[in-house]
Amino acid sequence: MRSAGATLADVVRTRIYVTDIHDWEKIGQAHGEVFREIRPATSMVEVRRLISPEILVEIEADAVIGGSSG
């Protein structure tokens, strides 16, 4: 993200893929702690597995760089 010139403030949407939807509150809380007052549109989806068994959560982010606010 930084290599593209973006910061967390540029994130407008996140997609959270989880292997156990029962952990949604903990995952949502962690997401909120990272983004704080930034409130990107977010969706969370349970998947059967991710690319490696030890990975339990994957977050995808879309950012708009250089867009006008307002």
PDB file of N, CA and C in Angstrom:
ATOM      1  N   MET A   1       0.832  -1.184   0.000  1.00  0.00           N
ATOM      2  CA  MET A   1       0.000   0.000   0.000  1.00  0.00           C
ATOM      3  C   MET A   1       0.879   1.251   0.000  1.00  0.00           C
ATOM      4  N   ARG A   2       1.838   1.289   0.901  1.00  0.00           N
ATOM      5  CA  ARG A   2       2.704   2.475   0.961  1.00  0.00           C
ATOM      6  C   ARG A   2       3.524   2.628  -0.309  1.00  0.00           C
ATOM      7  N   SER A   3       3.921   1.512  -0.900  1.00  0.00           N
ATOM      8  CA  SER A   3       4.715   1.605  -2.126  1.00  0.00           C
ATOM      9  C   SER A   3       3.913   2.243  -3.260  1.00  0.00           C
ATOM     10  N   ALA A   4       2.594   2.183  -3.165  1.00  0.00           N
ATOM     11  CA  ALA A   4       1.723   2.815  -4.161  1.00  0.00           C
ATOM     12  C   ALA A   4       1.390   4.246  -3.779  1.00  0.00           C
ATOM     13  N   GLY A   5       1.864   4.698  -2.610  1.00  0.00           N
ATOM     14  CA  GLY A   5       1.605   6.064  -2.177  1.00  0.00           C
ATOM     15  C   GLY A   5       0.335   6.222  -1.370  1.00  0.00           C
ATOM     16  N   ALA A   6      -0.214   5.122  -0.846  1.00  0.00           N
ATOM     17  CA  ALA A   6      -1.473   5.167  -0.088  1.00  0.00           C
ATOM     18  C   ALA A   6      -1.205   5.046   1.411  1.00  0.00           C
ATOM     19  N   THR A   7      -2.150   5.535   2.195  1.00  0.00           N
ATOM     20  CA  THR A   7      -2.126   5.375   3.644  1.00  0.00           C
ATOM     21  C   THR A   7      -3.458   4.759   4.064  1.00  0.00           C
ATOM     22  N   LEU A   8      -3.593   4.432   5.335  1.00  0.00           N
ATOM     23  CA  LEU A   8      -4.873   3.902   5.819  1.00  0.00           C
ATOM     24  C   LEU A   8      -6.017   4.877   5.548  1.00  0.00           C
ATOM     25  N   ALA A   9      -5.737   6.160   5.599  1.00  0.00           N
ATOM     26  CA  ALA A   9      -6.782   7.166   5.364  1.00  0.00           C
ATOM     27  C   ALA A   9      -7.351   7.093   3.944  1.00  0.00           C
ATOM     28  N   ASP A  10      -6.621   6.497   3.017  1.00  0.00           N
ATOM     29  CA  ASP A  10      -7.080   6.367   1.630  1.00  0.00           C
ATOM     30  C   ASP A  10      -7.960   5.137   1.404  1.00  0.00           C
ATOM     31  N   VAL A  11      -8.047   4.254   2.402  1.00  0.00           N
ATOM     32  CA  VAL A  11      -8.822   3.019   2.253  1.00  0.00           C
ATOM     33  C   VAL A  11     -10.313   3.340   2.284  1.00  0.00           C
ATOM     34  N   VAL A  12     -11.025   2.890   1.272  1.00  0.00           N
ATOM     35  CA  VAL A  12     -12.469   3.149   1.179  1.00  0.00           C
ATOM     36  C   VAL A  12     -13.304   1.882   1.355  1.00  0.00           C
ATOM     37  N   ARG A  13     -12.662   0.715   1.221  1.00  0.00           N
ATOM     38  CA  ARG A  13     -13.410  -0.539   1.358  1.00  0.00           C
ATOM     39  C   ARG A  13     -12.464  -1.643   1.793  1.00  0.00           C
ATOM     40  N   THR A  14     -12.937  -2.499   2.708  1.00  0.00           N
ATOM     41  CA  THR A  14     -12.191  -3.699   3.077  1.00  0.00           C
ATOM     42  C   THR A  14     -13.109  -4.909   2.971  1.00  0.00           C
ATOM     43  N   ARG A  15     -12.499  -6.026   2.651  1.00  0.00           N
ATOM     44  CA  ARG A  15     -13.193  -7.313   2.641  1.00  0.00           C
ATOM     45  C   ARG A  15     -12.405  -8.222   3.568  1.00  0.00           C
ATOM     46  N   ILE A  16     -13.092  -8.804   4.522  1.00  0.00           N
ATOM     47  CA  ILE A  16     -12.435  -9.658   5.500  1.00  0.00           C
ATOM     48  C   ILE A  16     -12.892 -11.092   5.273  1.00  0.00           C
ATOM     49  N   TYR A  17     -11.945 -11.967   4.997  1.00  0.00           N
ATOM     50  CA  TYR A  17     -12.232 -13.377   4.792  1.00  0.00           C
ATOM     51  C   TYR A  17     -11.780 -14.114   6.045  1.00  0.00           C
ATOM     52  N   VAL A  18     -12.673 -14.879   6.673  1.00  0.00           N
ATOM     53  CA  VAL A  18     -12.372 -15.574   7.922  1.00  0.00           C
ATOM     54  C   VAL A  18     -12.703 -17.055   7.778  1.00  0.00           C
ATOM     55  N   THR A  19     -11.959 -17.873   8.497  1.00  0.00           N
ATOM     56  CA  THR A  19     -12.223 -19.305   8.442  1.00  0.00           C
ATOM     57  C   THR A  19     -13.213 -19.747   9.511  1.00  0.00           C
ATOM     58  N   ASP A  20     -13.507 -18.855  10.475  1.00  0.00           N
ATOM     59  CA  ASP A  20     -14.501 -19.159  11.513  1.00  0.00           C
ATOM     60  C   ASP A  20     -15.289 -17.897  11.835  1.00  0.00           C
ATOM     61  N   ILE A  21     -16.486 -17.804  11.316  1.00  0.00           N
ATOM     62  CA  ILE A  21     -17.314 -16.606  11.486  1.00  0.00           C
ATOM     63  C   ILE A  21     -17.655 -16.343  12.950  1.00  0.00           C
ATOM     64  N   HIS A  22     -17.523 -17.363  13.797  1.00  0.00           N
ATOM     65  CA  HIS A  22     -17.799 -17.168  15.220  1.00  0.00           C
ATOM     66  C   HIS A  22     -16.823 -16.183  15.862  1.00  0.00           C
ATOM     67  N   ASP A  23     -15.698 -15.919  15.192  1.00  0.00           N
ATOM     68  CA  ASP A  23     -14.706 -14.967  15.699  1.00  0.00           C
ATOM     69  C   ASP A  23     -14.973 -13.546  15.210  1.00  0.00           C
ATOM     70  N   TRP A  24     -16.158 -13.291  14.653  1.00  0.00           N
ATOM     71  CA  TRP A  24     -16.431 -12.005  14.014  1.00  0.00           C
ATOM     72  C   TRP A  24     -16.250 -10.818  14.961  1.00  0.00           C
ATOM     73  N   GLU A  25     -16.617 -10.947  16.223  1.00  0.00           N
ATOM     74  CA  GLU A  25     -16.486  -9.808  17.140  1.00  0.00           C
ATOM     75  C   GLU A  25     -15.022  -9.447  17.377  1.00  0.00           C
ATOM     76  N   LYS A  26     -14.177 -10.445  17.627  1.00  0.00           N
ATOM     77  CA  LYS A  26     -12.748 -10.187  17.845  1.00  0.00           C
ATOM     78  C   LYS A  26     -12.106  -9.594  16.595  1.00  0.00           C
ATOM     79  N   ILE A  27     -12.471 -10.116  15.451  1.00  0.00           N
ATOM     80  CA  ILE A  27     -11.903  -9.639  14.194  1.00  0.00           C
ATOM     81  C   ILE A  27     -12.376  -8.220  13.919  1.00  0.00           C
ATOM     82  N   GLY A  28     -13.656  -7.972  14.122  1.00  0.00           N
ATOM     83  CA  GLY A  28     -14.194  -6.623  13.935  1.00  0.00           C
ATOM     84  C   GLY A  28     -13.553  -5.612  14.869  1.00  0.00           C
ATOM     85  N   GLN A  29     -13.305  -6.022  16.104  1.00  0.00           N
ATOM     86  CA  GLN A  29     -12.666  -5.128  17.071  1.00  0.00           C
ATOM     87  C   GLN A  29     -11.235  -4.799  16.626  1.00  0.00           C
ATOM     88  N   ALA A  30     -10.500  -5.802  16.180  1.00  0.00           N
ATOM     89  CA  ALA A  30      -9.135  -5.568  15.701  1.00  0.00           C
ATOM     90  C   ALA A  30      -9.146  -4.639  14.487  1.00  0.00           C
ATOM     91  N   HIS A  31     -10.087  -4.844  13.585  1.00  0.00           N
ATOM     92  CA  HIS A  31     -10.227  -3.990  12.397  1.00  0.00           C
ATOM     93  C   HIS A  31     -10.483  -2.553  12.837  1.00  0.00           C
ATOM     94  N   GLY A  32     -11.369  -2.371  13.797  1.00  0.00           N
ATOM     95  CA  GLY A  32     -11.675  -1.033  14.309  1.00  0.00           C
ATOM     96  C   GLY A  32     -10.488  -0.378  14.999  1.00  0.00           C
ATOM     97  N   GLU A  33      -9.685  -1.163  15.700  1.00  0.00           N
ATOM     98  CA  GLU A  33      -8.500  -0.610  16.365  1.00  0.00           C
ATOM     99  C   GLU A  33      -7.467  -0.128  15.351  1.00  0.00           C
ATOM    100  N   VAL A  34      -7.366  -0.808  14.231  1.00  0.00           N
ATOM    101  CA  VAL A  34      -6.422  -0.391  13.194  1.00  0.00           C
ATOM    102  C   VAL A  34      -6.933   0.853  12.466  1.00  0.00           C
ATOM    103  N   PHE A  35      -8.201   0.871  12.095  1.00  0.00           N
ATOM    104  CA  PHE A  35      -8.733   1.965  11.291  1.00  0.00           C
ATOM    105  C   PHE A  35      -9.235   3.147  12.119  1.00  0.00           C
ATOM    106  N   ARG A  36      -9.513   2.927  13.385  1.00  0.00           N
ATOM    107  CA  ARG A  36      -9.973   3.975  14.309  1.00  0.00           C
ATOM    108  C   ARG A  36     -11.089   4.813  13.706  1.00  0.00           C
ATOM    109  N   GLU A  37     -10.857   6.106  13.495  1.00  0.00           N
ATOM    110  CA  GLU A  37     -11.932   6.984  13.009  1.00  0.00           C
ATOM    111  C   GLU A  37     -12.175   6.844  11.505  1.00  0.00           C
ATOM    112  N   ILE A  38     -11.291   6.138  10.817  1.00  0.00           N
ATOM    113  CA  ILE A  38     -11.493   5.866   9.391  1.00  0.00           C
ATOM    114  C   ILE A  38     -12.543   4.757   9.305  1.00  0.00           C
ATOM    115  N   ARG A  39     -13.571   4.946   8.541  1.00  0.00           N
ATOM    116  CA  ARG A  39     -14.656   3.964   8.474  1.00  0.00           C
ATOM    117  C   ARG A  39     -14.887   3.503   7.036  1.00  0.00           C
ATOM    118  N   PRO A  40     -14.005   2.621   6.536  1.00  0.00           N
ATOM    119  CA  PRO A  40     -14.238   2.114   5.182  1.00  0.00           C
ATOM    120  C   PRO A  40     -15.457   1.196   5.166  1.00  0.00           C
ATOM    121  N   ALA A  41     -16.097   1.116   4.030  1.00  0.00           N
ATOM    122  CA  ALA A  41     -17.160   0.119   3.864  1.00  0.00           C
ATOM    123  C   ALA A  41     -16.499  -1.243   4.038  1.00  0.00           C
ATOM    124  N   THR A  42     -17.158  -2.128   4.783  1.00  0.00           N
ATOM    125  CA  THR A  42     -16.527  -3.396   5.120  1.00  0.00           C
ATOM    126  C   THR A  42     -17.516  -4.546   5.006  1.00  0.00           C
ATOM    127  N   SER A  43     -17.017  -5.670   4.523  1.00  0.00           N
ATOM    128  CA  SER A  43     -17.810  -6.893   4.551  1.00  0.00           C
ATOM    129  C   SER A  43     -16.926  -8.003   5.107  1.00  0.00           C
ATOM    130  N   MET A  44     -17.578  -8.969   5.768  1.00  0.00           N
ATOM    131  CA  MET A  44     -16.866 -10.119   6.325  1.00  0.00           C
ATOM    132  C   MET A  44     -17.540 -11.373   5.788  1.00  0.00           C
ATOM    133  N   VAL A  45     -16.719 -12.294   5.297  1.00  0.00           N
ATOM    134  CA  VAL A  45     -17.230 -13.506   4.674  1.00  0.00           C
ATOM    135  C   VAL A  45     -16.484 -14.706   5.254  1.00  0.00           C
ATOM    136  N   GLU A  46     -17.237 -15.753   5.590  1.00  0.00           N
ATOM    137  CA  GLU A  46     -16.597 -16.982   6.043  1.00  0.00           C
ATOM    138  C   GLU A  46     -16.246 -17.828   4.825  1.00  0.00           C
ATOM    139  N   VAL A  47     -15.018 -18.323   4.818  1.00  0.00           N
ATOM    140  CA  VAL A  47     -14.550 -19.209   3.756  1.00  0.00           C
ATOM    141  C   VAL A  47     -14.102 -20.531   4.378  1.00  0.00           C
ATOM    142  N   ARG A  48     -14.090 -21.557   3.594  1.00  0.00           N
ATOM    143  CA  ARG A  48     -13.717 -22.875   4.112  1.00  0.00           C
ATOM    144  C   ARG A  48     -12.267 -22.898   4.560  1.00  0.00           C
ATOM    145  N   ARG A  49     -11.383 -22.313   3.755  1.00  0.00           N
ATOM    146  CA  ARG A  49      -9.976 -22.224   4.124  1.00  0.00           C
ATOM    147  C   ARG A  49      -9.305 -21.140   3.289  1.00  0.00           C
ATOM    148  N   LEU A  50      -8.139 -20.724   3.772  1.00  0.00           N
ATOM    149  CA  LEU A  50      -7.324 -19.772   3.035  1.00  0.00           C
ATOM    150  C   LEU A  50      -6.118 -20.511   2.476  1.00  0.00           C
ATOM    151  N   ILE A  51      -5.200 -19.826   1.890  1.00  0.00           N
ATOM    152  CA  ILE A  51      -4.115 -20.479   1.150  1.00  0.00           C
ATOM    153  C   ILE A  51      -3.227 -21.367   2.010  1.00  0.00           C
ATOM    154  N   SER A  52      -3.139 -21.065   3.295  1.00  0.00           N
ATOM    155  CA  SER A  52      -2.304 -21.849   4.197  1.00  0.00           C
ATOM    156  C   SER A  52      -3.093 -22.127   5.478  1.00  0.00           C
ATOM    157  N   PRO A  53      -3.008 -23.310   6.045  1.00  0.00           N
ATOM    158  CA  PRO A  53      -3.835 -23.659   7.207  1.00  0.00           C
ATOM    159  C   PRO A  53      -3.649 -22.742   8.415  1.00  0.00           C
ATOM    160  N   GLU A  54      -2.459 -22.159   8.587  1.00  0.00           N
ATOM    161  CA  GLU A  54      -2.249 -21.292   9.744  1.00  0.00           C
ATOM    162  C   GLU A  54      -2.820 -19.890   9.561  1.00  0.00           C
ATOM    163  N   ILE A  55      -3.232 -19.553   8.364  1.00  0.00           N
ATOM    164  CA  ILE A  55      -3.859 -18.248   8.117  1.00  0.00           C
ATOM    165  C   ILE A  55      -5.352 -18.377   8.394  1.00  0.00           C
ATOM    166  N   LEU A  56      -5.837 -17.589   9.346  1.00  0.00           N
ATOM    167  CA  LEU A  56      -7.240 -17.650   9.753  1.00  0.00           C
ATOM    168  C   LEU A  56      -8.054 -16.469   9.239  1.00  0.00           C
ATOM    169  N   VAL A  57      -7.374 -15.359   8.929  1.00  0.00           N
ATOM    170  CA  VAL A  57      -8.036 -14.133   8.481  1.00  0.00           C
ATOM    171  C   VAL A  57      -7.218 -13.528   7.349  1.00  0.00           C
ATOM    172  N   GLU A  58      -7.913 -13.072   6.317  1.00  0.00           N
ATOM    173  CA  GLU A  58      -7.261 -12.340   5.233  1.00  0.00           C
ATOM    174  C   GLU A  58      -8.073 -11.073   5.001  1.00  0.00           C
ATOM    175  N   ILE A  59      -7.392  -9.951   4.885  1.00  0.00           N
ATOM    176  CA  ILE A  59      -8.076  -8.677   4.666  1.00  0.00           C
ATOM    177  C   ILE A  59      -7.602  -8.091   3.342  1.00  0.00           C
ATOM    178  N   GLU A  60      -8.565  -7.724   2.522  1.00  0.00           N
ATOM    179  CA  GLU A  60      -8.330  -7.105   1.234  1.00  0.00           C
ATOM    180  C   GLU A  60      -8.784  -5.652   1.373  1.00  0.00           C
ATOM    181  N   ALA A  61      -8.010  -4.711   0.855  1.00  0.00           N
ATOM    182  CA  ALA A  61      -8.367  -3.297   0.980  1.00  0.00           C
ATOM    183  C   ALA A  61      -8.306  -2.595  -0.357  1.00  0.00           C
ATOM    184  N   ASP A  62      -9.282  -1.727  -0.610  1.00  0.00           N
ATOM    185  CA  ASP A  62      -9.285  -0.864  -1.781  1.00  0.00           C
ATOM    186  C   ASP A  62      -9.043   0.557  -1.292  1.00  0.00           C
ATOM    187  N   ALA A  63      -8.105   1.239  -1.943  1.00  0.00           N
ATOM    188  CA  ALA A  63      -7.799   2.616  -1.565  1.00  0.00           C
ATOM    189  C   ALA A  63      -7.931   3.512  -2.789  1.00  0.00           C
ATOM    190  N   VAL A  64      -8.323   4.752  -2.551  1.00  0.00           N
ATOM    191  CA  VAL A  64      -8.390   5.752  -3.614  1.00  0.00           C
ATOM    192  C   VAL A  64      -7.315   6.774  -3.304  1.00  0.00           C
ATOM    193  N   ILE A  65      -6.364   6.894  -4.201  1.00  0.00           N
ATOM    194  CA  ILE A  65      -5.240   7.810  -3.998  1.00  0.00           C
ATOM    195  C   ILE A  65      -5.479   9.072  -4.826  1.00  0.00           C
ATOM    196  N   GLY A  66      -5.352  10.206  -4.164  1.00  0.00           N
ATOM    197  CA  GLY A  66      -5.483  11.471  -4.867  1.00  0.00           C
ATOM    198  C   GLY A  66      -6.901  11.888  -5.194  1.00  0.00           C
ATOM    199  N   GLY A  67      -7.888  11.210  -4.620  1.00  0.00           N
ATOM    200  CA  GLY A  67      -9.279  11.587  -4.820  1.00  0.00           C
ATOM    201  C   GLY A  67      -9.613  12.837  -4.029  1.00  0.00           C
ATOM    202  N   SER A  68     -10.633  13.533  -4.439  1.00  0.00           N
ATOM    203  CA  SER A  68     -11.043  14.728  -3.696  1.00  0.00           C
ATOM    204  C   SER A  68     -12.016  14.311  -2.607  1.00  0.00           C
ATOM    205  N   SER A  69     -11.874  14.889  -1.446  1.00  0.00           N
ATOM    206  CA  SER A  69     -12.807  14.590  -0.359  1.00  0.00           C
ATOM    207  C   SER A  69     -13.854  15.672  -0.292  1.00  0.00           C
ATOM    208  N   GLY A  70     -15.095  15.245  -0.264  1.00  0.00           N
ATOM    209  CA  GLY A  70     -16.170  16.209  -0.154  1.00  0.00           C
ATOM    210  C   GLY A  70     -16.935  16.211  -1.388  1.00  0.00           C
TER     211      GLY A  70
END
